[in-house]
Amino acid sequence: MPNDEDDLSFDYIRTELNYKQAKRTLRDIVTNLDLTPREKQGMEAELEELQQMMDKLERNVVQIAVFGMVGRGKSSVLNALLGENIFQTGPIHGITRSSQSADWEISHETITAGDHPGIMRVTLKGFGGSRVELIDTPGIDEVDGEERSKIAKHVAQQADLILFVVAGDITNIEYEALSQLRDASKPILLVFNKIDQYPVPDRTAIYEKIRDERVRQILSENEIVMAAASPLVAKAVLQPDGSYEAELVPGQPRVDDLKLKILEILDREGKALVALNTMMFAGNLQEQVVRRKMLIREQRANRMIWNAVITQAVSIAVNPITVLDIITTAVIDVSMIVALSKLYGIDMTQRSAIALIQKIAISMGGISASELFATLGLGSLKSLLGIAAPATGGLTIGAYVSVAITQASLAGVSTYAIGLVTKEYLANGASWGPQGPKVVVGRILETLDETSILGRIKDELRAKLDLSRMGRQS
């Protein structure tokens, strides 16, 4: 029959395996992003954060972030946990302007819990060699709140444990912020700070109101803890005239209950928290990076497709020989597909590009066939008008130009459709997906506004031809 020690050993082994798997997965994410130098531009912050997440896993760092309104004693709570004044405190509104962090050494921690007599020694099982990082954030009610909201959201996504500090009954702003942080699906401890400023009956009444009314829907009793991070105590101070006067002086911080809660969470699920939260945050970052990468590639692909369309149109418009029109069309379409494949990081030869064009043409069915026959017919008519031009004294030139532009525009629409289909095929990892090529091609053709594309091609084509004529005249 398995005992508790066996269960602990099993949990430890499982946690270690999951942690190692998280490190491998994150390493693969960073390695397989496949970004060009151009795509990295503008994504430096996201890439740096991914690298930081990987470093966090490698160094076994647990991040604890503190939130709260100005004046609730956020920085004082962290200083009390550290045992020294690392974080800046003071009466100035908004003294914490950006997130700050410091390491907390807790490999072995001996504490006396306020409500638990005696000494408790807490050792972090399976968490030796890890580091705990405490992170301070600006007040949630600061001026210029939009920027601070971004900082808070960013830190909350990274943090493995959140401390939310209040100093009395919860306000609407605090409740809304606490609810938003709860949506981040992270462990939260609500710290009722400055309890030294309340008589015991008042302190108890406020605690019970917070527990039973304010946060009952989002936090349990085990997630609420009282503290006095920077208490003031009355002390008789000798005056120059020999008399004594009572003055308030800093007292000993009372945060042992909070330390105990934190250590219980880290002891129970520290590494699992780090692995899970790091992967969640890295996954969101990866989605952002991939979306931007694909957007940049799509923009470049659209430009490449349009350049191929116009090159196709100009080549056909100025070429008087029908056979050369067909050859030119094939060469430009194949070159476009090869260029797009390089953009999407997929190795494709000219033979592969020709095979892809054939598959797309078959899927386009009657549409591609009708455009081919129309292009051939117009090409033949264009050739006849060109041949007849000398005999008619140039009277057929106007008709020749009109037919050439129409033929070139039709060919351009076909190239444009092939380019769009190829782009989706390559963006999907050189796969048609479960629907198959016919469905993909059909969907693209349904959304293709052929009339507007024709008009756009004709406008650019006329401008190109006008420029070429001007060049010849000069």
Protein backbone atom coordinates (compact mmCIF):
# COMPACT_ATOMS: atom_id res chain seq x y z
CA MET A 1 0.00 0.00 0.00
CA PRO A 2 1.57 3.33 -1.05
CA ASN A 3 2.41 5.75 1.75
CA ASP A 4 2.68 9.55 1.88
CA GLU A 5 6.40 9.40 1.17
CA ASP A 6 5.75 7.47 -2.05
CA ASP A 7 3.16 10.05 -3.09
CA LEU A 8 5.62 12.87 -2.43
CA SER A 9 8.32 11.11 -4.45
CA PHE A 10 5.91 10.57 -7.33
CA ASP A 11 4.78 14.22 -7.26
CA TYR A 12 8.40 15.37 -7.16
CA ILE A 13 9.37 13.21 -10.15
CA ARG A 14 6.32 14.34 -12.11
CA THR A 15 7.04 18.00 -11.35
CA GLU A 16 10.66 17.63 -12.43
CA LEU A 17 9.66 15.93 -15.70
CA ASN A 18 7.07 18.62 -16.44
CA TYR A 19 9.63 21.32 -15.69
CA LYS A 20 12.18 19.78 -18.04
CA GLN A 21 9.51 19.41 -20.72
CA ALA A 22 8.60 23.08 -20.33
CA LYS A 23 12.25 24.05 -20.82
CA ARG A 24 12.52 21.93 -23.96
CA THR A 25 9.26 23.30 -25.37
CA LEU A 26 10.25 26.91 -24.78
CA ARG A 27 13.68 26.29 -26.29
CA ASP A 28 11.99 24.84 -29.39
CA ILE A 29 9.64 27.84 -29.61
CA VAL A 30 12.55 30.29 -29.61
CA THR A 31 14.61 28.17 -32.03
CA ASN A 32 11.82 27.59 -34.56
CA LEU A 33 10.49 31.14 -34.91
CA ASP A 34 12.34 31.38 -38.25
CA LEU A 35 12.45 35.18 -38.51
CA THR A 36 14.33 37.15 -41.13
CA PRO A 37 16.25 40.28 -40.02
CA ARG A 38 13.49 42.39 -41.52
CA GLU A 39 10.80 40.53 -39.60
CA LYS A 40 12.71 40.98 -36.34
CA GLN A 41 12.48 44.75 -36.72
CA GLY A 42 9.79 46.10 -34.42
CA MET A 43 9.63 42.84 -32.45
CA GLU A 44 12.76 43.33 -30.37
CA ALA A 45 10.79 43.67 -27.11
CA GLU A 46 8.77 40.49 -27.68
CA LEU A 47 11.85 38.50 -28.66
CA GLU A 48 13.71 39.79 -25.60
CA GLU A 49 10.81 38.73 -23.38
CA LEU A 50 10.85 35.24 -24.87
CA GLN A 51 14.55 35.03 -24.13
CA GLN A 52 13.91 36.22 -20.58
CA MET A 53 11.28 33.53 -20.13
CA MET A 54 13.76 30.91 -21.27
CA ASP A 55 16.38 32.27 -18.87
CA LYS A 56 13.79 32.23 -16.09
CA LEU A 57 13.21 28.52 -16.58
CA GLU A 58 16.91 27.77 -16.89
CA ARG A 59 17.68 29.59 -13.62
CA ASN A 60 14.57 28.38 -11.72
CA VAL A 61 13.30 31.88 -10.95
CA VAL A 62 9.95 32.38 -9.21
CA GLN A 63 8.47 35.86 -9.68
CA ILE A 64 6.16 37.38 -7.05
CA ALA A 65 4.54 40.69 -8.04
CA VAL A 66 2.80 43.12 -5.70
CA PHE A 67 -0.15 45.31 -6.71
CA GLY A 68 -2.32 47.87 -4.95
CA MET A 69 -3.34 51.49 -4.74
CA VAL A 70 -0.96 54.27 -3.75
CA GLY A 71 -0.43 54.50 -0.01
CA ARG A 72 -1.36 50.90 0.80
CA GLY A 73 2.23 49.97 1.59
CA LYS A 74 3.15 47.78 -1.39
CA SER A 75 6.84 48.65 -1.30
CA SER A 76 6.89 48.40 2.49
CA VAL A 77 5.49 44.85 2.30
CA LEU A 78 8.30 43.81 -0.03
CA ASN A 79 10.94 45.52 2.12
CA ALA A 80 9.55 43.72 5.18
CA LEU A 81 9.78 40.38 3.38
CA LEU A 82 13.36 41.15 2.34
CA GLY A 83 14.36 42.43 5.78
CA GLU A 84 15.93 45.55 4.28
CA ASN A 85 14.83 48.70 2.50
CA ILE A 86 15.40 47.87 -1.16
CA PHE A 87 12.20 49.28 -2.64
CA GLN A 88 11.61 53.02 -2.54
CA THR A 89 8.88 54.18 -0.16
CA GLY A 90 7.56 57.57 0.79
CA PRO A 91 4.52 59.84 1.09
CA ILE A 92 4.78 61.15 -2.49
CA HIS A 93 1.91 60.04 -4.69
CA GLY A 94 3.15 57.58 -7.29
CA ILE A 95 6.70 57.18 -6.03
CA THR A 96 6.96 53.82 -7.82
CA ARG A 97 6.99 54.88 -11.47
CA SER A 98 7.88 51.56 -13.07
CA SER A 99 8.18 47.96 -12.00
CA GLN A 100 11.18 47.21 -9.76
CA SER A 101 12.52 43.86 -8.65
CA ALA A 102 14.85 42.30 -6.09
CA ASP A 103 15.88 38.75 -5.17
CA TRP A 104 14.61 37.13 -1.98
CA GLU A 105 16.79 34.46 -0.40
CA ILE A 106 14.45 31.81 1.05
CA SER A 107 16.12 28.45 0.52
CA HIS A 108 15.58 27.91 4.28
CA GLU A 109 13.33 30.25 6.21
CA THR A 110 12.59 30.21 9.95
CA ILE A 111 9.51 32.22 10.89
CA THR A 112 7.17 32.79 13.81
CA ALA A 113 3.56 32.98 12.66
CA GLY A 114 1.47 35.60 14.47
CA ASP A 115 -1.53 33.39 15.06
CA HIS A 116 0.50 30.22 15.50
CA PRO A 117 2.63 30.06 18.69
CA GLY A 118 6.06 28.54 18.42
CA ILE A 119 8.60 28.43 15.64
CA MET A 120 8.00 26.87 12.25
CA ARG A 121 10.87 25.88 9.96
CA VAL A 122 9.84 25.68 6.31
CA THR A 123 12.12 23.97 3.79
CA LEU A 124 11.30 24.19 0.10
CA LYS A 125 11.14 20.56 -1.02
CA GLY A 126 12.51 20.07 -4.51
CA PHE A 127 13.10 23.78 -4.90
CA GLY A 128 16.69 24.03 -3.79
CA GLY A 129 18.90 26.34 -5.78
CA SER A 130 15.93 28.37 -7.00
CA ARG A 131 15.63 32.12 -6.74
CA VAL A 132 12.56 34.15 -5.78
CA GLU A 133 12.20 37.57 -7.37
CA LEU A 134 9.96 40.18 -5.75
CA ILE A 135 8.48 42.75 -8.15
CA ASP A 136 7.00 46.12 -7.18
CA THR A 137 4.57 47.91 -9.53
CA PRO A 138 3.07 51.41 -9.77
CA GLY A 139 -0.16 52.15 -7.93
CA ILE A 140 -3.29 51.03 -9.78
CA ASP A 141 -4.89 54.46 -9.20
CA GLU A 142 -1.97 56.49 -10.57
CA VAL A 143 -2.27 59.44 -12.88
CA ASP A 144 -1.51 58.40 -16.44
CA GLY A 145 -3.24 55.18 -15.54
CA GLU A 146 -3.31 53.72 -19.05
CA GLU A 147 0.46 53.27 -19.14
CA ARG A 148 0.53 51.88 -15.62
CA SER A 149 -2.29 49.54 -16.50
CA LYS A 150 -0.12 48.17 -19.30
CA ILE A 151 2.77 47.68 -16.87
CA ALA A 152 0.50 45.95 -14.38
CA LYS A 153 -0.97 43.67 -17.04
CA HIS A 154 2.46 42.81 -18.37
CA VAL A 155 3.89 42.02 -14.94
CA ALA A 156 0.78 40.03 -13.99
CA GLN A 157 1.23 37.85 -17.05
CA GLN A 158 4.84 37.12 -16.11
CA ALA A 159 4.33 36.68 -12.36
CA ASP A 160 3.94 33.27 -10.77
CA LEU A 161 2.28 34.63 -7.61
CA ILE A 162 0.47 37.94 -7.05
CA LEU A 163 0.25 39.89 -3.78
CA PHE A 164 -2.61 42.41 -3.74
CA VAL A 165 -2.19 44.90 -0.90
CA VAL A 166 -5.04 46.80 0.75
CA ALA A 167 -5.05 48.87 3.95
CA GLY A 168 -8.69 48.65 4.98
CA ASP A 169 -12.05 47.95 3.41
CA ILE A 170 -11.79 47.39 -0.35
CA THR A 171 -12.75 50.20 -2.74
CA ASN A 172 -14.47 49.76 -6.11
CA ILE A 173 -11.18 50.47 -7.92
CA GLU A 174 -9.43 47.80 -5.88
CA TYR A 175 -12.18 45.24 -6.46
CA GLU A 176 -12.14 45.82 -10.24
CA ALA A 177 -8.34 45.52 -10.35
CA LEU A 178 -8.42 42.39 -8.19
CA SER A 179 -11.02 40.83 -10.49
CA GLN A 180 -8.89 41.61 -13.56
CA LEU A 181 -5.85 40.04 -11.92
CA ARG A 182 -7.89 36.97 -11.02
CA ASP A 183 -8.66 36.62 -14.75
CA ALA A 184 -4.92 36.07 -15.27
CA SER A 185 -5.45 32.67 -13.58
CA LYS A 186 -2.54 33.17 -11.17
CA PRO A 187 -2.40 32.41 -7.43
CA ILE A 188 -3.28 35.56 -5.47
CA LEU A 189 -2.79 36.50 -1.83
CA LEU A 190 -4.82 39.47 -0.59
CA VAL A 191 -2.67 41.27 2.00
CA PHE A 192 -4.61 43.38 4.53
CA ASN A 193 -1.74 45.69 5.49
CA LYS A 194 -1.43 48.41 8.17
CA ILE A 195 -3.46 46.48 10.71
CA ASP A 196 -1.48 48.29 13.41
CA GLN A 197 -3.54 51.41 12.64
CA TYR A 198 -6.78 49.73 13.77
CA PRO A 199 -7.92 48.60 17.21
CA VAL A 200 -8.27 44.82 17.33
CA PRO A 201 -12.12 44.83 17.14
CA ASP A 202 -12.11 47.17 14.12
CA ARG A 203 -9.35 45.19 12.45
CA THR A 204 -11.31 41.97 12.89
CA ALA A 205 -14.53 43.54 11.60
CA ILE A 206 -12.79 44.84 8.45
CA TYR A 207 -11.15 41.46 7.84
CA GLU A 208 -14.48 39.65 8.14
CA LYS A 209 -16.21 42.14 5.84
CA ILE A 210 -13.51 41.68 3.20
CA ARG A 211 -13.67 37.89 3.57
CA ASP A 212 -17.44 37.46 3.73
CA GLU A 213 -18.71 40.27 1.48
CA ARG A 214 -16.11 41.94 -0.68
CA VAL A 215 -14.09 39.09 -2.19
CA ARG A 216 -16.14 36.00 -1.36
CA GLN A 217 -16.75 35.34 -5.08
CA ILE A 218 -13.11 35.52 -6.15
CA LEU A 219 -10.92 34.58 -3.16
CA SER A 220 -11.06 32.02 -0.38
CA GLU A 221 -10.28 32.64 3.28
CA ASN A 222 -6.92 30.90 2.84
CA GLU A 223 -5.93 33.55 0.30
CA ILE A 224 -6.35 36.49 2.73
CA VAL A 225 -3.63 37.40 5.21
CA MET A 226 -3.11 40.33 7.62
CA ALA A 227 0.17 42.21 7.99
CA ALA A 228 1.82 45.33 9.36
CA ALA A 229 4.77 45.92 7.06
CA SER A 230 5.86 49.25 8.52
CA PRO A 231 4.12 49.68 11.88
CA LEU A 232 4.42 52.76 14.03
CA VAL A 233 4.58 52.27 17.78
CA ALA A 234 4.31 54.83 20.57
CA LYS A 235 7.46 55.34 22.53
CA ALA A 236 8.32 57.71 25.37
CA VAL A 237 11.14 59.95 24.17
CA LEU A 238 13.25 62.02 26.57
CA GLN A 239 13.04 65.75 25.83
CA PRO A 240 15.80 68.37 26.43
CA ASP A 241 13.96 69.70 29.50
CA GLY A 242 14.03 66.26 31.11
CA SER A 243 10.40 65.43 30.43
CA TYR A 244 9.10 62.54 28.33
CA GLU A 245 6.78 62.81 25.34
CA ALA A 246 5.08 60.05 23.38
CA GLU A 247 6.23 59.79 19.77
CA LEU A 248 5.48 57.35 16.96
CA VAL A 249 8.57 55.48 15.84
CA PRO A 250 9.04 52.60 13.35
CA GLY A 251 8.36 49.22 14.90
CA GLN A 252 9.20 45.65 13.98
CA PRO A 253 7.46 44.52 10.75
CA ARG A 254 4.81 41.84 11.25
CA VAL A 255 4.77 39.83 8.02
CA ASP A 256 5.41 36.31 9.32
CA ASP A 257 1.93 35.12 8.38
CA LEU A 258 2.47 36.41 4.86
CA LYS A 259 5.87 34.70 4.64
CA LEU A 260 4.28 31.46 5.80
CA LYS A 261 1.55 31.67 3.13
CA ILE A 262 4.06 32.39 0.39
CA LEU A 263 6.34 29.56 1.44
CA GLU A 264 3.43 27.13 1.66
CA ILE A 265 2.48 27.94 -1.94
CA LEU A 266 6.06 27.67 -3.20
CA ASP A 267 6.66 24.47 -1.26
CA ARG A 268 3.48 22.92 -2.61
CA GLU A 269 3.59 24.04 -6.22
CA GLY A 270 6.58 26.31 -6.81
CA LYS A 271 8.18 24.63 -9.82
CA ALA A 272 4.83 23.71 -11.31
CA LEU A 273 3.79 27.39 -11.08
CA VAL A 274 6.94 28.55 -12.79
CA ALA A 275 6.65 26.00 -15.59
CA LEU A 276 2.93 26.63 -16.18
CA ASN A 277 3.04 30.41 -16.02
CA THR A 278 6.18 30.67 -18.11
CA MET A 279 4.67 28.48 -20.82
CA MET A 280 1.38 30.43 -20.77
CA PHE A 281 3.20 33.75 -21.08
CA ALA A 282 5.61 32.41 -23.71
CA GLY A 283 2.69 30.92 -25.65
CA ASN A 284 0.94 34.30 -25.78
CA LEU A 285 4.17 35.99 -26.85
CA GLN A 286 4.75 33.36 -29.51
CA GLU A 287 1.27 33.99 -30.92
CA GLN A 288 2.01 37.73 -31.10
CA VAL A 289 5.34 37.16 -32.82
CA VAL A 290 3.92 34.63 -35.28
CA ARG A 291 0.96 36.90 -36.09
CA ARG A 292 3.31 39.79 -36.80
CA LYS A 293 5.64 37.55 -38.80
CA MET A 294 2.77 36.30 -40.94
CA LEU A 295 1.39 39.82 -41.36
CA ILE A 296 4.77 41.08 -42.58
CA ARG A 297 5.12 38.11 -44.91
CA GLU A 298 1.60 38.60 -46.20
CA GLN A 299 2.28 42.26 -46.92
CA ARG A 300 5.48 41.37 -48.77
CA ALA A 301 3.69 38.52 -50.57
CA ASN A 302 0.92 40.88 -51.69
CA ARG A 303 3.51 43.27 -53.10
CA MET A 304 5.29 40.41 -54.89
CA ILE A 305 2.00 39.17 -56.35
CA TRP A 306 1.01 42.61 -57.56
CA ASN A 307 4.44 43.23 -59.08
CA ALA A 308 4.09 39.91 -60.95
CA VAL A 309 0.60 40.94 -62.12
CA ILE A 310 1.82 44.26 -63.53
CA THR A 311 4.94 42.66 -65.06
CA GLN A 312 2.66 40.08 -66.67
CA ALA A 313 0.28 42.74 -67.97
CA VAL A 314 3.00 44.98 -69.40
CA SER A 315 4.80 42.06 -71.06
CA ILE A 316 1.65 40.82 -72.76
CA ALA A 317 0.47 44.29 -73.75
CA VAL A 318 3.66 45.19 -75.59
CA ASN A 319 4.24 41.75 -77.10
CA PRO A 320 2.58 41.27 -80.54
CA ILE A 321 3.15 37.49 -80.83
CA THR A 322 0.52 35.17 -79.29
CA VAL A 323 2.88 32.24 -78.67
CA LEU A 324 5.24 34.48 -76.73
CA ASP A 325 2.28 35.63 -74.60
CA ILE A 326 1.74 32.05 -73.42
CA ILE A 327 5.44 31.51 -72.71
CA THR A 328 5.72 34.84 -70.88
CA THR A 329 2.67 34.05 -68.74
CA ALA A 330 4.10 30.69 -67.68
CA VAL A 331 7.56 32.09 -66.90
CA ILE A 332 6.22 34.95 -64.76
CA ASP A 333 3.76 32.72 -62.87
CA VAL A 334 6.48 30.16 -62.10
CA SER A 335 8.93 32.88 -61.02
CA MET A 336 6.28 34.39 -58.74
CA ILE A 337 5.59 31.05 -57.05
CA VAL A 338 9.29 30.32 -56.51
CA ALA A 339 9.79 33.80 -55.02
CA LEU A 340 6.79 33.35 -52.70
CA SER A 341 8.09 29.96 -51.56
CA LYS A 342 11.40 31.55 -50.54
CA LEU A 343 9.51 34.25 -48.61
CA TYR A 344 7.66 31.60 -46.60
CA GLY A 345 10.80 29.53 -46.06
CA ILE A 346 9.68 26.57 -48.18
CA ASP A 347 12.04 24.98 -50.68
CA MET A 348 10.32 24.83 -54.08
CA THR A 349 11.93 24.17 -57.48
CA GLN A 350 10.63 25.36 -60.84
CA ARG A 351 9.26 21.86 -61.48
CA SER A 352 7.38 21.98 -58.16
CA ALA A 353 6.04 25.42 -59.07
CA ILE A 354 4.77 24.14 -62.44
CA ALA A 355 3.07 21.20 -60.71
CA LEU A 356 1.42 23.62 -58.26
CA ILE A 357 0.18 25.83 -61.12
CA GLN A 358 -1.33 22.77 -62.80
CA LYS A 359 -3.13 21.77 -59.60
CA ILE A 360 -4.43 25.32 -59.11
CA ALA A 361 -5.55 25.52 -62.76
CA ILE A 362 -7.44 22.23 -62.45
CA SER A 363 -9.10 23.47 -59.26
CA MET A 364 -10.03 26.74 -60.98
CA GLY A 365 -11.83 24.63 -63.59
CA GLY A 366 -13.88 26.50 -66.17
CA ILE A 367 -12.77 29.90 -64.94
CA SER A 368 -9.14 29.37 -65.89
CA ALA A 369 -10.10 27.67 -69.17
CA SER A 370 -12.37 30.51 -70.25
CA GLU A 371 -9.72 33.10 -69.36
CA LEU A 372 -7.14 31.11 -71.32
CA PHE A 373 -9.32 30.99 -74.43
CA ALA A 374 -10.18 34.68 -74.06
CA THR A 375 -6.50 35.54 -73.73
CA LEU A 376 -5.59 33.42 -76.79
CA GLY A 377 -8.41 34.97 -78.85
CA LEU A 378 -7.48 38.50 -77.88
CA GLY A 379 -3.82 37.70 -78.52
CA SER A 380 -4.63 36.56 -82.05
CA LEU A 381 -6.73 39.68 -82.68
CA LYS A 382 -3.95 41.87 -81.26
CA SER A 383 -1.43 40.24 -83.65
CA LEU A 384 -3.70 40.86 -86.66
CA LEU A 385 -4.23 44.51 -85.70
CA GLY A 386 -0.48 44.94 -85.28
CA ILE A 387 0.23 43.41 -88.69
CA ALA A 388 -2.44 45.60 -90.31
CA ALA A 389 -1.15 48.83 -88.78
CA PRO A 390 1.37 49.66 -91.59
CA ALA A 391 -1.22 48.92 -94.31
CA THR A 392 -3.85 51.18 -92.69
CA GLY A 393 -1.50 54.03 -92.01
CA GLY A 394 -1.69 53.42 -88.26
CA LEU A 395 -5.49 53.57 -88.09
CA THR A 396 -5.62 50.25 -86.22
CA ILE A 397 -3.21 51.36 -83.46
CA GLY A 398 -6.03 52.58 -81.20
CA ALA A 399 -7.85 49.26 -81.52
CA TYR A 400 -4.55 47.39 -80.97
CA VAL A 401 -3.90 49.25 -77.69
CA SER A 402 -7.45 48.63 -76.46
CA VAL A 403 -7.27 44.89 -77.22
CA ALA A 404 -3.75 44.65 -75.71
CA ILE A 405 -4.87 46.27 -72.44
CA THR A 406 -7.92 43.99 -72.21
CA GLN A 407 -5.87 40.86 -72.92
CA ALA A 408 -3.15 41.92 -70.46
CA SER A 409 -5.73 42.67 -67.76
CA LEU A 410 -7.35 39.24 -68.10
CA ALA A 411 -3.96 37.56 -67.83
CA GLY A 412 -3.18 39.74 -64.81
CA VAL A 413 -6.36 38.63 -63.03
CA SER A 414 -5.39 35.00 -63.58
CA THR A 415 -1.89 35.64 -62.18
CA TYR A 416 -3.40 37.51 -59.24
CA ALA A 417 -5.70 34.58 -58.40
CA ILE A 418 -2.83 32.09 -58.71
CA GLY A 419 -0.73 34.29 -56.43
CA LEU A 420 -3.43 34.49 -53.75
CA VAL A 421 -3.98 30.72 -53.79
CA THR A 422 -0.23 30.08 -53.64
CA LYS A 423 0.14 32.50 -50.73
CA GLU A 424 -2.48 30.67 -48.66
CA TYR A 425 -1.01 27.30 -49.59
CA LEU A 426 2.49 28.35 -48.48
CA ALA A 427 1.29 30.20 -45.35
CA ASN A 428 -0.35 26.93 -44.34
CA GLY A 429 3.01 25.16 -44.50
CA ALA A 430 2.71 24.00 -48.13
CA SER A 431 -0.56 22.27 -47.33
CA TRP A 432 -4.14 22.62 -48.53
CA GLY A 433 -5.42 21.65 -45.12
CA PRO A 434 -8.26 19.20 -44.55
CA GLN A 435 -10.50 20.93 -47.12
CA GLY A 436 -8.32 20.26 -50.16
CA PRO A 437 -7.26 22.51 -53.05
CA LYS A 438 -10.68 22.86 -54.70
CA VAL A 439 -12.27 24.30 -51.59
CA VAL A 440 -9.35 26.69 -50.97
CA VAL A 441 -9.32 27.89 -54.58
CA GLY A 442 -13.10 28.21 -54.65
CA ARG A 443 -13.16 30.30 -51.47
CA ILE A 444 -10.53 32.69 -52.83
CA LEU A 445 -12.28 33.05 -56.19
CA GLU A 446 -15.58 33.80 -54.43
CA THR A 447 -13.99 36.69 -52.55
CA LEU A 448 -12.07 37.98 -55.57
CA ASP A 449 -13.57 41.21 -56.91
CA GLU A 450 -12.58 40.69 -60.54
CA THR A 451 -14.06 43.99 -61.73
CA SER A 452 -12.03 46.11 -59.32
CA ILE A 453 -8.87 44.09 -60.02
CA LEU A 454 -9.33 44.57 -63.77
CA GLY A 455 -9.79 48.30 -63.29
CA ARG A 456 -6.72 48.56 -61.09
CA ILE A 457 -4.59 46.62 -63.58
CA LYS A 458 -5.79 48.75 -66.50
CA ASP A 459 -5.04 51.98 -64.63
CA GLU A 460 -1.50 50.92 -63.76
CA LEU A 461 -0.97 49.43 -67.20
CA ARG A 462 -1.99 52.65 -68.98
CA ALA A 463 0.35 54.62 -66.72
CA LYS A 464 3.21 52.22 -67.49
CA LEU A 465 2.55 52.36 -71.26
CA ASP A 466 2.30 56.15 -71.21
CA LEU A 467 5.66 56.35 -69.43
CA SER A 468 7.28 53.96 -71.91
CA ARG A 469 5.97 56.01 -74.86
CA MET A 470 7.27 59.20 -73.27
CA GLY A 471 10.65 57.53 -72.81
CA ARG A 472 10.79 56.52 -76.51
CA GLN A 473 9.78 60.05 -77.65
CA SER A 474 12.47 61.66 -75.56
